[in-house]
Amino acid sequence: MSKSIFRSSPKNNSGSSMPFSNRPALSRFHLMKEMARRDFYEFVRQAWHVLEPGTPFVDGVHVLAICLHLQAITEV
């Protein structure tokens, strides 16, 4: 029962009784937080400076592969 993080377009009938213009806009912080909650790779990317403060994050296909695998085996 998760809420959509994206604002629907005025043409989209999302079933909400609240008009599009009255819906609160999401802040960048809340959007990034929700992205990290849904995607383990995004979580690692955002939290690296906390997990390893003295080590710069070096992104690569290997990091993506590990994160995708770990997320896949936990969502079974």
PDB file of N, CA and C in Angstrom:
ATOM      1  N   MET A   1       0.839  -1.179   0.000  1.00  0.00           N
ATOM      2  CA  MET A   1       0.000   0.000   0.000  1.00  0.00           C
ATOM      3  C   MET A   1       0.879   1.234   0.000  1.00  0.00           C
ATOM      4  N   SER A   2       1.619   1.439  -1.096  1.00  0.00           N
ATOM      5  CA  SER A   2       2.492   2.596  -1.157  1.00  0.00           C
ATOM      6  C   SER A   2       1.842   3.699  -1.974  1.00  0.00           C
ATOM      7  N   LYS A   3       2.155   4.918  -1.633  1.00  0.00           N
ATOM      8  CA  LYS A   3       1.645   6.065  -2.361  1.00  0.00           C
ATOM      9  C   LYS A   3       2.575   6.357  -3.526  1.00  0.00           C
ATOM     10  N   SER A   4       2.015   6.856  -4.586  1.00  0.00           N
ATOM     11  CA  SER A   4       2.819   7.226  -5.738  1.00  0.00           C
ATOM     12  C   SER A   4       3.674   8.436  -5.370  1.00  0.00           C
ATOM     13  N   ILE A   5       4.927   8.438  -5.808  1.00  0.00           N
ATOM     14  CA  ILE A   5       5.807   9.557  -5.486  1.00  0.00           C
ATOM     15  C   ILE A   5       5.766  10.626  -6.560  1.00  0.00           C
ATOM     16  N   PHE A   6       5.108  10.337  -7.670  1.00  0.00           N
ATOM     17  CA  PHE A   6       5.057  11.287  -8.762  1.00  0.00           C
ATOM     18  C   PHE A   6       3.674  11.906  -8.843  1.00  0.00           C
ATOM     19  N   ARG A   7       3.654  13.172  -9.179  1.00  0.00           N
ATOM     20  CA  ARG A   7       2.384  13.850  -9.351  1.00  0.00           C
ATOM     21  C   ARG A   7       1.771  13.400 -10.663  1.00  0.00           C
ATOM     22  N   SER A   8       0.504  13.104 -10.636  1.00  0.00           N
ATOM     23  CA  SER A   8      -0.153  12.669 -11.861  1.00  0.00           C
ATOM     24  C   SER A   8      -0.503  13.877 -12.713  1.00  0.00           C
ATOM     25  N   SER A   9      -0.621  13.650 -13.992  1.00  0.00           N
ATOM     26  CA  SER A   9      -0.958  14.732 -14.906  1.00  0.00           C
ATOM     27  C   SER A   9      -2.439  15.063 -14.773  1.00  0.00           C
ATOM     28  N   PRO A  10      -2.836  16.261 -15.178  1.00  0.00           N
ATOM     29  CA  PRO A  10      -4.246  16.630 -15.071  1.00  0.00           C
ATOM     30  C   PRO A  10      -5.140  15.723 -15.899  1.00  0.00           C
ATOM     31  N   LYS A  11      -4.622  15.126 -16.979  1.00  0.00           N
ATOM     32  CA  LYS A  11      -5.414  14.254 -17.832  1.00  0.00           C
ATOM     33  C   LYS A  11      -5.531  12.851 -17.250  1.00  0.00           C
ATOM     34  N   ASN A  12      -4.669  12.512 -16.319  1.00  0.00           N
ATOM     35  CA  ASN A  12      -4.661  11.173 -15.748  1.00  0.00           C
ATOM     36  C   ASN A  12      -5.735  11.074 -14.666  1.00  0.00           C
ATOM     37  N   ASN A  13      -6.609  10.125 -14.804  1.00  0.00           N
ATOM     38  CA  ASN A  13      -7.654   9.908 -13.798  1.00  0.00           C
ATOM     39  C   ASN A  13      -7.096   8.938 -12.766  1.00  0.00           C
ATOM     40  N   SER A  14      -6.457   9.455 -11.736  1.00  0.00           N
ATOM     41  CA  SER A  14      -5.795   8.614 -10.751  1.00  0.00           C
ATOM     42  C   SER A  14      -6.733   8.115  -9.666  1.00  0.00           C
ATOM     43  N   GLY A  15      -7.980   8.546  -9.699  1.00  0.00           N
ATOM     44  CA  GLY A  15      -8.926   8.087  -8.700  1.00  0.00           C
ATOM     45  C   GLY A  15      -8.897   8.910  -7.422  1.00  0.00           C
ATOM     46  N   SER A  16      -8.044   9.903  -7.364  1.00  0.00           N
ATOM     47  CA  SER A  16      -7.959  10.744  -6.178  1.00  0.00           C
ATOM     48  C   SER A  16      -9.021  11.824  -6.252  1.00  0.00           C
ATOM     49  N   SER A  17      -9.625  12.124  -5.128  1.00  0.00           N
ATOM     50  CA  SER A  17     -10.647  13.162  -5.108  1.00  0.00           C
ATOM     51  C   SER A  17     -10.027  14.555  -4.990  1.00  0.00           C
ATOM     52  N   MET A  18      -8.732  14.621  -4.714  1.00  0.00           N
ATOM     53  CA  MET A  18      -8.065  15.907  -4.576  1.00  0.00           C
ATOM     54  C   MET A  18      -7.657  16.423  -5.949  1.00  0.00           C
ATOM     55  N   PRO A  19      -8.049  17.636  -6.311  1.00  0.00           N
ATOM     56  CA  PRO A  19      -7.658  18.185  -7.611  1.00  0.00           C
ATOM     57  C   PRO A  19      -6.142  18.286  -7.745  1.00  0.00           C
ATOM     58  N   PHE A  20      -5.668  18.189  -8.976  1.00  0.00           N
ATOM     59  CA  PHE A  20      -4.230  18.220  -9.251  1.00  0.00           C
ATOM     60  C   PHE A  20      -3.566  19.460  -8.663  1.00  0.00           C
ATOM     61  N   SER A  21      -4.193  20.607  -8.808  1.00  0.00           N
ATOM     62  CA  SER A  21      -3.575  21.859  -8.359  1.00  0.00           C
ATOM     63  C   SER A  21      -3.479  21.969  -6.839  1.00  0.00           C
ATOM     64  N   ASN A  22      -4.244  21.156  -6.098  1.00  0.00           N
ATOM     65  CA  ASN A  22      -4.220  21.233  -4.642  1.00  0.00           C
ATOM     66  C   ASN A  22      -3.318  20.183  -3.996  1.00  0.00           C
ATOM     67  N   ARG A  23      -2.738  19.291  -4.808  1.00  0.00           N
ATOM     68  CA  ARG A  23      -1.871  18.261  -4.250  1.00  0.00           C
ATOM     69  C   ARG A  23      -0.538  18.868  -3.862  1.00  0.00           C
ATOM     70  N   PRO A  24       0.024  18.459  -2.726  1.00  0.00           N
ATOM     71  CA  PRO A  24       1.315  19.022  -2.313  1.00  0.00           C
ATOM     72  C   PRO A  24       2.436  18.500  -3.206  1.00  0.00           C
ATOM     73  N   ALA A  25       3.353  19.385  -3.557  1.00  0.00           N
ATOM     74  CA  ALA A  25       4.523  18.988  -4.351  1.00  0.00           C
ATOM     75  C   ALA A  25       5.536  18.330  -3.425  1.00  0.00           C
ATOM     76  N   LEU A  26       6.218  17.320  -3.946  1.00  0.00           N
ATOM     77  CA  LEU A  26       7.239  16.649  -3.151  1.00  0.00           C
ATOM     78  C   LEU A  26       8.539  17.426  -3.204  1.00  0.00           C
ATOM     79  N   SER A  27       9.199  17.497  -2.085  1.00  0.00           N
ATOM     80  CA  SER A  27      10.496  18.153  -2.063  1.00  0.00           C
ATOM     81  C   SER A  27      11.548  17.207  -2.630  1.00  0.00           C
ATOM     82  N   ARG A  28      12.678  17.749  -3.023  1.00  0.00           N
ATOM     83  CA  ARG A  28      13.770  16.931  -3.549  1.00  0.00           C
ATOM     84  C   ARG A  28      14.222  15.926  -2.489  1.00  0.00           C
ATOM     85  N   PHE A  29      14.257  16.341  -1.238  1.00  0.00           N
ATOM     86  CA  PHE A  29      14.656  15.451  -0.152  1.00  0.00           C
ATOM     87  C   PHE A  29      13.741  14.234  -0.071  1.00  0.00           C
ATOM     88  N   HIS A  30      12.430  14.462  -0.096  1.00  0.00           N
ATOM     89  CA  HIS A  30      11.477  13.364   0.007  1.00  0.00           C
ATOM     90  C   HIS A  30      11.541  12.451  -1.221  1.00  0.00           C
ATOM     91  N   LEU A  31      11.772  13.031  -2.382  1.00  0.00           N
ATOM     92  CA  LEU A  31      11.903  12.227  -3.589  1.00  0.00           C
ATOM     93  C   LEU A  31      13.144  11.341  -3.519  1.00  0.00           C
ATOM     94  N   MET A  32      14.275  11.896  -3.103  1.00  0.00           N
ATOM     95  CA  MET A  32      15.507  11.112  -2.981  1.00  0.00           C
ATOM     96  C   MET A  32      15.359  10.025  -1.911  1.00  0.00           C
ATOM     97  N   LYS A  33      14.692  10.362  -0.824  1.00  0.00           N
ATOM     98  CA  LYS A  33      14.453   9.397   0.241  1.00  0.00           C
ATOM     99  C   LYS A  33      13.615   8.228  -0.262  1.00  0.00           C
ATOM    100  N   GLU A  34      12.578   8.516  -1.016  1.00  0.00           N
ATOM    101  CA  GLU A  34      11.720   7.470  -1.548  1.00  0.00           C
ATOM    102  C   GLU A  34      12.458   6.621  -2.582  1.00  0.00           C
ATOM    103  N   MET A  35      13.290   7.244  -3.400  1.00  0.00           N
ATOM    104  CA  MET A  35      14.079   6.489  -4.372  1.00  0.00           C
ATOM    105  C   MET A  35      15.019   5.517  -3.666  1.00  0.00           C
ATOM    106  N   ALA A  36      15.654   5.963  -2.597  1.00  0.00           N
ATOM    107  CA  ALA A  36      16.564   5.097  -1.844  1.00  0.00           C
ATOM    108  C   ALA A  36      15.807   3.975  -1.137  1.00  0.00           C
ATOM    109  N   ARG A  37      14.588   4.235  -0.728  1.00  0.00           N
ATOM    110  CA  ARG A  37      13.790   3.202  -0.070  1.00  0.00           C
ATOM    111  C   ARG A  37      13.398   2.094  -1.045  1.00  0.00           C
ATOM    112  N   ARG A  38      13.154   2.445  -2.286  1.00  0.00           N
ATOM    113  CA  ARG A  38      12.685   1.475  -3.275  1.00  0.00           C
ATOM    114  C   ARG A  38      13.806   0.746  -4.002  1.00  0.00           C
ATOM    115  N   ASP A  39      14.998   1.339  -4.078  1.00  0.00           N
ATOM    116  CA  ASP A  39      16.068   0.797  -4.908  1.00  0.00           C
ATOM    117  C   ASP A  39      17.357   0.700  -4.097  1.00  0.00           C
ATOM    118  N   PHE A  40      17.845  -0.521  -3.901  1.00  0.00           N
ATOM    119  CA  PHE A  40      19.034  -0.728  -3.078  1.00  0.00           C
ATOM    120  C   PHE A  40      20.269  -0.046  -3.666  1.00  0.00           C
ATOM    121  N   TYR A  41      20.409  -0.065  -4.986  1.00  0.00           N
ATOM    122  CA  TYR A  41      21.537   0.620  -5.629  1.00  0.00           C
ATOM    123  C   TYR A  41      21.509   2.113  -5.309  1.00  0.00           C
ATOM    124  N   GLU A  42      20.341   2.712  -5.385  1.00  0.00           N
ATOM    125  CA  GLU A  42      20.209   4.138  -5.071  1.00  0.00           C
ATOM    126  C   GLU A  42      20.515   4.392  -3.597  1.00  0.00           C
ATOM    127  N   PHE A  43      20.111   3.479  -2.729  1.00  0.00           N
ATOM    128  CA  PHE A  43      20.432   3.595  -1.307  1.00  0.00           C
ATOM    129  C   PHE A  43      21.942   3.583  -1.084  1.00  0.00           C
ATOM    130  N   VAL A  44      22.626   2.636  -1.721  1.00  0.00           N
ATOM    131  CA  VAL A  44      24.084   2.536  -1.571  1.00  0.00           C
ATOM    132  C   VAL A  44      24.744   3.808  -2.084  1.00  0.00           C
ATOM    133  N   ARG A  45      24.295   4.286  -3.241  1.00  0.00           N
ATOM    134  CA  ARG A  45      24.856   5.497  -3.826  1.00  0.00           C
ATOM    135  C   ARG A  45      24.693   6.700  -2.893  1.00  0.00           C
ATOM    136  N   GLN A  46      23.509   6.841  -2.321  1.00  0.00           N
ATOM    137  CA  GLN A  46      23.231   7.985  -1.453  1.00  0.00           C
ATOM    138  C   GLN A  46      23.894   7.853  -0.082  1.00  0.00           C
ATOM    139  N   ALA A  47      24.041   6.634   0.418  1.00  0.00           N
ATOM    140  CA  ALA A  47      24.527   6.437   1.791  1.00  0.00           C
ATOM    141  C   ALA A  47      26.017   6.122   1.882  1.00  0.00           C
ATOM    142  N   TRP A  48      26.698   6.049   0.760  1.00  0.00           N
ATOM    143  CA  TRP A  48      28.105   5.648   0.786  1.00  0.00           C
ATOM    144  C   TRP A  48      28.937   6.536   1.708  1.00  0.00           C
ATOM    145  N   HIS A  49      28.719   7.829   1.674  1.00  0.00           N
ATOM    146  CA  HIS A  49      29.519   8.744   2.499  1.00  0.00           C
ATOM    147  C   HIS A  49      29.299   8.511   3.998  1.00  0.00           C
ATOM    148  N   VAL A  50      28.190   7.887   4.354  1.00  0.00           N
ATOM    149  CA  VAL A  50      27.929   7.554   5.756  1.00  0.00           C
ATOM    150  C   VAL A  50      28.569   6.213   6.104  1.00  0.00           C
ATOM    151  N   LEU A  51      28.456   5.263   5.179  1.00  0.00           N
ATOM    152  CA  LEU A  51      28.989   3.921   5.413  1.00  0.00           C
ATOM    153  C   LEU A  51      30.513   3.890   5.418  1.00  0.00           C
ATOM    154  N   GLU A  52      31.124   4.627   4.493  1.00  0.00           N
ATOM    155  CA  GLU A  52      32.584   4.693   4.361  1.00  0.00           C
ATOM    156  C   GLU A  52      33.008   6.145   4.212  1.00  0.00           C
ATOM    157  N   PRO A  53      33.076   6.901   5.315  1.00  0.00           N
ATOM    158  CA  PRO A  53      33.327   8.345   5.226  1.00  0.00           C
ATOM    159  C   PRO A  53      34.651   8.727   4.555  1.00  0.00           C
ATOM    160  N   GLY A  54      35.675   7.944   4.708  1.00  0.00           N
ATOM    161  CA  GLY A  54      36.965   8.319   4.149  1.00  0.00           C
ATOM    162  C   GLY A  54      37.233   7.773   2.766  1.00  0.00           C
ATOM    163  N   THR A  55      36.304   7.006   2.222  1.00  0.00           N
ATOM    164  CA  THR A  55      36.518   6.356   0.937  1.00  0.00           C
ATOM    165  C   THR A  55      35.555   6.924  -0.096  1.00  0.00           C
ATOM    166  N   PRO A  56      36.059   7.433  -1.211  1.00  0.00           N
ATOM    167  CA  PRO A  56      35.144   7.950  -2.243  1.00  0.00           C
ATOM    168  C   PRO A  56      34.391   6.804  -2.912  1.00  0.00           C
ATOM    169  N   PHE A  57      33.158   7.062  -3.286  1.00  0.00           N
ATOM    170  CA  PHE A  57      32.336   6.071  -3.963  1.00  0.00           C
ATOM    171  C   PHE A  57      32.786   5.966  -5.412  1.00  0.00           C
ATOM    172  N   VAL A  58      33.144   4.773  -5.837  1.00  0.00           N
ATOM    173  CA  VAL A  58      33.544   4.518  -7.217  1.00  0.00           C
ATOM    174  C   VAL A  58      32.451   3.671  -7.848  1.00  0.00           C
ATOM    175  N   ASP A  59      31.644   4.312  -8.659  1.00  0.00           N
ATOM    176  CA  ASP A  59      30.522   3.637  -9.284  1.00  0.00           C
ATOM    177  C   ASP A  59      31.007   2.783 -10.451  1.00  0.00           C
ATOM    178  N   GLY A  60      30.276   1.734 -10.717  1.00  0.00           N
ATOM    179  CA  GLY A  60      30.611   0.868 -11.833  1.00  0.00           C
ATOM    180  C   GLY A  60      29.553  -0.191 -12.013  1.00  0.00           C
ATOM    181  N   VAL A  61      29.687  -0.924 -13.114  1.00  0.00           N
ATOM    182  CA  VAL A  61      28.711  -1.958 -13.413  1.00  0.00           C
ATOM    183  C   VAL A  61      28.740  -3.059 -12.358  1.00  0.00           C
ATOM    184  N   HIS A  62      29.885  -3.274 -11.730  1.00  0.00           N
ATOM    185  CA  HIS A  62      29.986  -4.298 -10.694  1.00  0.00           C
ATOM    186  C   HIS A  62      29.152  -3.934  -9.465  1.00  0.00           C
ATOM    187  N   VAL A  63      29.126  -2.667  -9.101  1.00  0.00           N
ATOM    188  CA  VAL A  63      28.320  -2.219  -7.958  1.00  0.00           C
ATOM    189  C   VAL A  63      26.837  -2.392  -8.287  1.00  0.00           C
ATOM    190  N   LEU A  64      26.458  -1.995  -9.485  1.00  0.00           N
ATOM    191  CA  LEU A  64      25.068  -2.148  -9.912  1.00  0.00           C
ATOM    192  C   LEU A  64      24.660  -3.616  -9.906  1.00  0.00           C
ATOM    193  N   ALA A  65      25.514  -4.490 -10.422  1.00  0.00           N
ATOM    194  CA  ALA A  65      25.201  -5.925 -10.480  1.00  0.00           C
ATOM    195  C   ALA A  65      25.010  -6.511  -9.082  1.00  0.00           C
ATOM    196  N   ILE A  66      25.881  -6.169  -8.162  1.00  0.00           N
ATOM    197  CA  ILE A  66      25.770  -6.679  -6.791  1.00  0.00           C
ATOM    198  C   ILE A  66      24.477  -6.184  -6.144  1.00  0.00           C
ATOM    199  N   CYS A  67      24.183  -4.885  -6.310  1.00  0.00           N
ATOM    200  CA  CYS A  67      22.974  -4.321  -5.708  1.00  0.00           C
ATOM    201  C   CYS A  67      21.713  -4.932  -6.299  1.00  0.00           C
ATOM    202  N   LEU A  68      21.694  -5.116  -7.622  1.00  0.00           N
ATOM    203  CA  LEU A  68      20.524  -5.731  -8.255  1.00  0.00           C
ATOM    204  C   LEU A  68      20.327  -7.162  -7.767  1.00  0.00           C
ATOM    205  N   HIS A  69      21.415  -7.896  -7.635  1.00  0.00           N
ATOM    206  CA  HIS A  69      21.325  -9.274  -7.152  1.00  0.00           C
ATOM    207  C   HIS A  69      20.818  -9.328  -5.709  1.00  0.00           C
ATOM    208  N   LEU A  70      21.385  -8.498  -4.848  1.00  0.00           N
ATOM    209  CA  LEU A  70      20.968  -8.500  -3.444  1.00  0.00           C
ATOM    210  C   LEU A  70      19.508  -8.087  -3.300  1.00  0.00           C
ATOM    211  N   GLN A  71      19.078  -7.105  -4.078  1.00  0.00           N
ATOM    212  CA  GLN A  71      17.686  -6.689  -4.003  1.00  0.00           C
ATOM    213  C   GLN A  71      16.771  -7.794  -4.539  1.00  0.00           C
ATOM    214  N   ALA A  72      17.187  -8.468  -5.596  1.00  0.00           N
ATOM    215  CA  ALA A  72      16.357  -9.531  -6.184  1.00  0.00           C
ATOM    216  C   ALA A  72      16.174 -10.704  -5.219  1.00  0.00           C
ATOM    217  N   ILE A  73      17.223 -11.104  -4.511  1.00  0.00           N
ATOM    218  CA  ILE A  73      17.076 -12.258  -3.631  1.00  0.00           C
ATOM    219  C   ILE A  73      16.315 -11.924  -2.358  1.00  0.00           C
ATOM    220  N   THR A  74      16.234 -10.658  -2.006  1.00  0.00           N
ATOM    221  CA  THR A  74      15.454 -10.285  -0.819  1.00  0.00           C
ATOM    222  C   THR A  74      13.991 -10.052  -1.133  1.00  0.00           C
ATOM    223  N   GLU A  75      13.662  -9.841  -2.406  1.00  0.00           N
ATOM    224  CA  GLU A  75      12.273  -9.588  -2.785  1.00  0.00           C
ATOM    225  C   GLU A  75      11.537 -10.838  -3.234  1.00  0.00           C
ATOM    226  N   VAL A  76      12.147 -11.995  -3.107  1.00  0.00           N
ATOM    227  CA  VAL A  76      11.514 -13.247  -3.553  1.00  0.00           C
ATOM    228  C   VAL A  76      10.351 -13.597  -2.677  1.00  0.00           C
TER     229      VAL A  76
END
